[in-house]
Protein backbone atom coordinates (compact mmCIF):
# COMPACT_ATOMS: atom_id res chain seq x y z
CA UNK A 1 77.69 115.37 111.68
CA UNK A 2 76.63 111.72 111.44
CA UNK A 3 77.23 111.72 107.56
CA UNK A 4 80.63 113.40 107.97
CA UNK A 5 81.60 110.79 110.53
CA UNK A 6 80.57 107.96 108.20
CA UNK A 7 82.49 109.18 105.18
CA UNK A 8 85.56 110.10 107.30
CA UNK A 9 85.87 106.72 109.05
CA UNK A 10 88.82 104.77 107.52
CA UNK A 11 87.02 101.54 107.91
CA UNK A 12 84.06 102.75 105.87
CA UNK A 13 86.46 104.08 103.21
CA UNK A 14 88.20 100.72 103.05
CA UNK A 15 84.81 98.91 102.82
CA UNK A 16 83.69 101.26 99.99
CA UNK A 17 86.87 100.73 98.14
CA UNK A 18 86.59 97.00 98.37
CA UNK A 19 82.94 97.18 97.28
CA UNK A 20 83.91 99.31 94.27
CA UNK A 21 86.65 96.81 93.26
CA UNK A 22 84.24 93.85 93.51
CA UNK A 23 81.58 95.68 91.55
CA UNK A 24 84.12 96.59 88.79
CA UNK A 25 85.27 92.95 88.66
CA UNK A 26 81.76 91.71 88.27
CA UNK A 27 80.98 94.27 85.62
CA UNK A 28 84.27 93.48 83.76
CA UNK A 29 83.36 89.74 83.73
CA UNK A 30 79.62 90.15 82.80
CA UNK A 31 80.03 92.93 80.24
CA UNK A 32 81.13 90.75 77.30
CA UNK A 33 78.12 88.52 77.95
CA UNK A 34 75.63 91.39 78.18
CA UNK A 35 76.75 93.62 75.30
CA UNK A 36 75.88 92.96 71.70
CA UNK A 37 78.52 92.96 69.00
CA UNK A 38 78.47 96.33 67.17
CA UNK A 39 80.51 95.03 64.30
CA UNK A 40 77.91 95.57 61.50
CA UNK A 41 77.09 99.08 62.75
CA UNK A 42 80.74 100.24 62.91
CA UNK A 43 81.54 98.71 59.56
CA UNK A 44 78.54 100.39 57.86
CA UNK A 45 79.44 103.70 59.47
CA UNK A 46 83.03 103.53 58.24
CA UNK A 47 81.98 102.10 54.84
CA UNK A 48 79.68 105.05 54.31
CA UNK A 49 82.60 107.37 54.89
CA UNK A 50 83.71 106.90 51.29
CA UNK A 51 80.40 107.96 49.85
CA UNK A 52 80.25 110.88 52.28
CA UNK A 53 83.65 112.07 51.18
CA UNK A 54 82.71 111.82 47.51
CA UNK A 55 79.53 113.77 48.14
CA UNK A 56 81.30 116.47 50.09
CA UNK A 57 83.94 116.63 47.39
CA UNK A 58 81.32 117.24 44.71
CA UNK A 59 79.60 119.81 46.84
CA UNK A 60 82.87 121.57 47.44
CA UNK A 61 83.59 121.71 43.74
CA UNK A 62 80.13 122.92 42.95
CA UNK A 63 80.31 125.71 45.49
CA UNK A 64 83.91 126.61 45.04
CA UNK A 65 83.21 130.01 43.53
CA UNK A 66 80.90 130.98 46.34
CA UNK A 67 83.45 130.08 48.98
CA UNK A 68 81.14 127.49 50.57
CA UNK A 69 81.47 123.79 51.10
CA UNK A 70 84.34 122.00 52.86
CA UNK A 71 85.62 118.52 53.36
CA UNK A 72 86.42 119.18 57.06
CA UNK A 73 84.22 118.11 59.93
CA UNK A 74 83.07 121.02 62.10
CA UNK A 75 82.71 121.13 65.82
CA UNK A 76 80.32 123.64 67.25
CA UNK A 77 79.88 122.20 70.70
CA UNK A 78 80.42 123.66 74.17
CA UNK A 79 83.89 122.19 74.45
CA UNK A 80 84.99 123.92 71.19
CA UNK A 81 83.70 127.30 72.38
CA UNK A 82 85.53 127.03 75.69
CA UNK A 83 88.71 125.96 74.08
CA UNK A 84 88.65 128.81 71.57
CA UNK A 85 87.68 131.41 74.12
CA UNK A 86 90.44 130.50 76.58
CA UNK A 87 92.81 129.57 73.69
CA UNK A 88 93.55 126.22 75.36
CA UNK A 89 94.97 124.69 72.24
CA UNK A 90 97.90 127.18 72.58
CA UNK A 91 98.06 127.08 76.35
CA UNK A 92 98.05 123.29 76.55
CA UNK A 93 99.56 122.67 73.12
CA UNK A 94 100.44 118.99 72.39
CA UNK A 95 101.79 118.44 68.88
CA UNK A 96 101.01 114.78 68.92
CA UNK A 97 97.42 114.96 70.20
CA UNK A 98 95.90 114.18 66.83
CA UNK A 99 98.00 111.01 66.46
CA UNK A 100 97.30 109.89 70.06
CA UNK A 101 93.60 110.32 69.61
CA UNK A 102 93.68 108.51 66.27
CA UNK A 103 95.54 105.64 67.83
CA UNK A 104 92.78 105.37 70.46
CA UNK A 105 90.08 105.40 67.77
CA UNK A 106 88.97 109.01 68.22
CA UNK A 107 88.97 110.88 64.89
CA UNK A 108 87.82 114.44 63.94
CA UNK A 109 87.97 117.85 65.61
CA UNK A 110 85.40 117.09 68.38
CA UNK A 111 87.74 114.62 70.35
CA UNK A 112 90.48 117.26 70.17
CA UNK A 113 88.30 119.89 71.73
CA UNK A 114 87.14 117.40 74.39
CA UNK A 115 90.77 116.40 75.17
CA UNK A 116 91.85 119.98 75.71
CA UNK A 117 88.73 120.83 77.75
CA UNK A 118 89.18 118.00 80.13
CA UNK A 119 92.97 118.56 80.37
CA UNK A 120 92.12 122.08 81.57
CA UNK A 121 89.22 121.25 83.90
CA UNK A 122 90.33 118.02 85.62
CA UNK A 123 93.32 119.48 87.53
CA UNK A 124 91.04 121.93 89.26
CA UNK A 125 88.41 119.23 90.01
CA UNK A 126 90.95 116.80 91.44
CA UNK A 127 92.58 119.51 93.51
CA UNK A 128 89.21 120.84 94.81
CA UNK A 129 87.96 117.35 95.75
CA UNK A 130 91.19 116.43 97.62
CA UNK A 131 91.36 119.87 99.34
CA UNK A 132 87.66 119.67 100.39
CA UNK A 133 88.09 116.24 101.83
CA UNK A 134 91.38 116.92 103.68
CA UNK A 135 90.49 120.47 104.99
CA UNK A 136 86.78 120.09 105.72
CA UNK A 137 85.80 116.38 106.17
CA UNK A 138 88.76 114.57 107.58
CA UNK A 139 92.40 115.73 107.91
CA UNK A 140 93.77 112.35 109.19
CA UNK A 141 95.95 114.46 111.63
CA UNK A 142 98.06 115.72 108.81
CA UNK A 143 99.68 119.19 109.06
CA UNK A 144 98.50 122.02 106.85
CA UNK A 145 101.52 121.92 104.59
CA UNK A 146 101.09 118.21 103.91
CA UNK A 147 97.44 118.67 103.00
CA UNK A 148 98.36 121.49 100.73
CA UNK A 149 100.96 119.29 99.01
CA UNK A 150 98.30 116.59 98.51
CA UNK A 151 96.04 119.19 96.83
CA UNK A 152 98.88 120.28 94.53
CA UNK A 153 99.43 116.65 93.68
CA UNK A 154 95.79 116.50 92.63
CA UNK A 155 96.58 119.29 90.07
CA UNK A 156 99.31 117.19 88.64
CA UNK A 157 97.20 114.01 88.61
CA UNK A 158 94.33 115.82 86.88
CA UNK A 159 96.66 117.31 84.25
CA UNK A 160 98.03 113.92 83.26
CA UNK A 161 94.78 111.98 83.58
CA UNK A 162 93.63 112.54 80.01
CA UNK A 163 96.88 111.37 78.66
CA UNK A 164 96.88 108.31 80.78
CA UNK A 165 93.28 107.44 79.72
CA UNK A 166 94.06 107.98 76.01
CA UNK A 167 97.22 105.93 76.35
CA UNK A 168 95.35 103.02 77.98
CA UNK A 169 92.61 103.04 75.27
CA UNK A 170 95.20 103.15 72.48
CA UNK A 171 97.16 100.22 74.03
CA UNK A 172 94.11 98.05 74.29
CA UNK A 173 93.12 98.93 70.76
CA UNK A 174 96.65 98.20 69.51
CA UNK A 175 96.74 94.82 71.24
CA UNK A 176 93.44 93.85 69.66
CA UNK A 177 94.70 94.88 66.18
CA UNK A 178 98.09 93.26 66.49
CA UNK A 179 96.57 90.00 67.79
CA UNK A 180 94.38 89.52 64.66
CA UNK A 181 96.76 91.17 62.09
CA UNK A 182 98.67 87.97 61.06
CA UNK A 183 95.46 86.19 60.35
CA UNK A 184 94.25 89.16 58.39
CA UNK A 185 97.58 89.09 56.31
CA UNK A 186 96.98 85.39 55.52
CA UNK A 187 93.42 86.19 54.29
CA UNK A 188 94.72 89.16 52.36
CA UNK A 189 97.33 86.96 50.71
CA UNK A 190 94.73 84.43 49.65
CA UNK A 191 92.49 87.09 48.26
CA UNK A 192 95.31 88.83 46.32
CA UNK A 193 96.63 85.54 44.88
CA UNK A 194 93.06 84.62 43.82
CA UNK A 195 93.01 87.62 41.51
CA UNK A 196 91.18 90.22 43.58
CA UNK A 197 92.26 93.85 43.54
CA UNK A 198 93.84 95.19 46.63
CA UNK A 199 90.78 97.40 47.48
CA UNK A 200 88.34 94.48 47.18
CA UNK A 201 90.78 92.20 49.00
CA UNK A 202 91.11 94.65 51.98
CA UNK A 203 87.35 95.11 52.14
CA UNK A 204 86.70 91.29 52.13
CA UNK A 205 89.28 90.83 54.87
CA UNK A 206 87.68 93.58 56.88
CA UNK A 207 84.30 91.77 56.71
CA UNK A 208 85.83 88.42 57.67
CA UNK A 209 88.13 89.52 60.45
CA UNK A 210 85.46 91.42 62.42
CA UNK A 211 84.52 88.40 64.46
CA UNK A 212 88.11 88.33 65.82
CA UNK A 213 88.96 92.07 66.14
CA UNK A 214 86.37 94.78 65.45
CA UNK A 215 89.09 97.40 65.80
CA UNK A 216 91.14 95.84 62.92
CA UNK A 217 88.02 95.46 60.76
CA UNK A 218 87.25 99.17 61.27
CA UNK A 219 90.77 100.25 60.44
CA UNK A 220 90.79 98.06 57.25
CA UNK A 221 87.42 99.43 56.16
CA UNK A 222 88.69 102.98 56.75
CA UNK A 223 91.83 102.10 54.79
CA UNK A 224 89.60 100.99 51.82
CA UNK A 225 87.77 104.27 51.92
CA UNK A 226 90.95 106.28 51.96
CA UNK A 227 92.42 104.28 49.10
CA UNK A 228 89.36 105.11 47.05
CA UNK A 229 89.34 108.80 47.96
CA UNK A 230 92.99 109.93 48.39
CA UNK A 231 95.07 110.76 45.33
CA UNK A 232 97.79 108.32 46.31
CA UNK A 233 97.58 104.90 47.93
CA UNK A 234 100.84 105.70 49.84
CA UNK A 235 98.92 108.25 51.87
CA UNK A 236 96.32 105.72 52.96
CA UNK A 237 99.02 103.20 53.88
CA UNK A 238 100.84 105.83 55.89
CA UNK A 239 97.72 106.73 57.67
CA UNK A 240 97.09 103.17 58.84
CA UNK A 241 100.69 102.98 60.04
CA UNK A 242 100.24 106.18 62.16
CA UNK A 243 96.97 105.09 63.54
CA UNK A 244 98.18 101.63 64.68
CA UNK A 245 101.75 102.65 65.72
CA UNK A 246 103.11 99.14 65.60
CA UNK A 247 106.37 98.11 63.87
CA UNK A 248 104.96 95.00 62.41
CA UNK A 249 102.09 96.89 60.63
CA UNK A 250 104.47 99.68 59.59
CA UNK A 251 106.68 97.17 57.88
CA UNK A 252 103.75 95.69 56.03
CA UNK A 253 102.62 99.06 54.90
CA UNK A 254 106.14 99.96 53.73
CA UNK A 255 106.29 96.72 51.77
CA UNK A 256 102.95 97.42 50.10
CA UNK A 257 104.18 100.95 49.25
CA UNK A 258 107.38 99.61 47.69
CA UNK A 259 105.54 96.83 45.80
CA UNK A 260 103.25 99.46 44.24
CA UNK A 261 106.13 101.85 43.48
CA UNK A 262 108.56 99.35 41.93
CA UNK A 263 106.05 96.92 40.52
CA UNK A 264 107.13 93.91 42.54
CA UNK A 265 104.65 90.98 43.20
CA UNK A 266 102.44 91.93 46.10
CA UNK A 267 101.74 88.26 46.92
CA UNK A 268 105.41 87.50 47.73
CA UNK A 269 105.72 90.60 49.95
CA UNK A 270 102.54 89.69 51.87
CA UNK A 271 103.75 86.06 52.34
CA UNK A 272 106.96 87.18 53.94
CA UNK A 273 105.24 89.89 56.07
CA UNK A 274 102.63 87.31 57.30
CA UNK A 275 105.37 84.99 58.33
CA UNK A 276 107.23 87.76 60.21
CA UNK A 277 104.08 88.89 61.95
CA UNK A 278 103.31 85.43 63.07
CA UNK A 279 106.75 85.07 64.55
CA UNK A 280 106.35 88.45 66.31
CA UNK A 281 103.02 87.31 67.78
CA UNK A 282 104.58 84.02 68.91
CA UNK A 283 107.62 85.94 70.43
CA UNK A 284 105.18 88.20 72.37
CA UNK A 285 103.28 85.19 73.69
CA UNK A 286 106.54 83.56 74.84
CA UNK A 287 107.58 86.78 76.50
CA UNK A 288 104.37 86.95 78.49
CA UNK A 289 104.75 83.27 79.47
CA UNK A 290 108.34 83.96 80.67
CA UNK A 291 107.05 86.85 82.82
CA UNK A 292 104.31 84.83 84.47
CA UNK A 293 106.36 83.16 87.22
CA UNK A 294 107.59 86.55 88.43
CA UNK A 295 104.18 88.06 88.39
CA UNK A 296 102.73 85.13 90.35
CA UNK A 297 105.26 85.39 93.21
CA UNK A 298 103.49 88.01 95.19
CA UNK A 299 99.91 86.50 94.81
CA UNK A 300 101.25 83.11 95.83
CA UNK A 301 102.92 84.54 98.92
CA UNK A 302 99.85 86.50 99.94
CA UNK A 303 97.10 84.01 99.05
CA UNK A 304 98.32 80.49 98.47
CA UNK A 305 101.01 79.96 101.12
CA UNK A 306 98.87 80.92 104.16
CA UNK A 307 96.10 78.59 103.05
CA UNK A 308 98.63 75.81 102.40
CA UNK A 309 100.22 76.27 105.95
CA UNK A 310 96.72 76.14 107.50
CA UNK A 311 95.89 72.88 105.62
CA UNK A 312 99.18 71.19 106.48
CA UNK A 313 99.71 72.41 110.08
CA UNK A 314 96.06 72.74 111.12
CA UNK A 315 95.48 68.97 111.97
CA UNK A 316 98.84 68.81 113.75
CA UNK A 317 98.07 71.85 115.83
CA UNK A 318 94.63 70.55 116.73
CA UNK A 319 95.95 67.15 117.77
CA UNK A 320 98.72 68.79 119.97
CA UNK A 321 96.02 71.03 121.54
CA UNK A 322 93.82 68.06 122.33
CA UNK A 323 96.76 66.18 123.80
CA UNK A 324 97.74 69.09 126.13
CA UNK A 325 94.09 69.50 127.17
CA UNK A 326 93.76 65.76 127.99
CA UNK A 327 97.04 65.88 130.03
CA UNK A 328 95.90 68.90 131.87
CA UNK A 329 92.76 67.00 133.02
CA UNK A 330 94.69 63.97 134.36
CA UNK A 331 95.19 64.37 138.12
């Protein structure tokens, strides 16, 4: 009973929430200092993708008559078995799930099975946790219907939680890519105008831009592998456009496709695109700067103004209090 009383006390819940927020803040600040850069490992894994595709292609051609060999990745894990047995891909069908996962950096069949599995399981977990807390531990004086509505809300929250998580990861990844993309275009322009081929130029830029954005280096290295393997470069360029889902990158890929199709100079197109992307990055920074005063209004009201009033009015209040105390002591 003591344990139930501790976890049902609102003061303890508030203290636990504040401790969790403080811990998350400390971890967020210290994590970049504690973790090592995985640039080389990620670039090597993506670079080896080209050789792996070539090897699987040769194996598929060699075993074509026997019906064995494939270029597809296979997923034989527990999540895949559950998804197939319950037919979750049809029950929870999302036609854009592959593009969403690719934008978040998850490729292959395994992330798809994991997504559908957690999209099916999390609603029941969230609803069970909320119902157990409200009906068993502490009901906060709420009627039964209200507690039931909270449990149903847990179902809705659990259903959309995987989409929210994937969306947040994709947004952070896109911001990292877009922030370094204009610099990558400048480097790509220098490499192309120096006489390098587009494959060698992209690979060189991927190696150089990794210190600024690992995500962009990974995407460029994957683009190099796809250019070497796919029958048309246009497919590789379109793949990068879909994975990044940014208008600036899409315009650059379209310009590169048109330059290859019509034989126009690639250097001139890259120069124009680099200028436009720099202007887009500057406009985004100006937009954030313009939004800063409005975002700082509430923190200033809650944290700065009370302290300012205490500093300004504190000495005057203390002096008035001392004067009233001294006048009260005079007979």
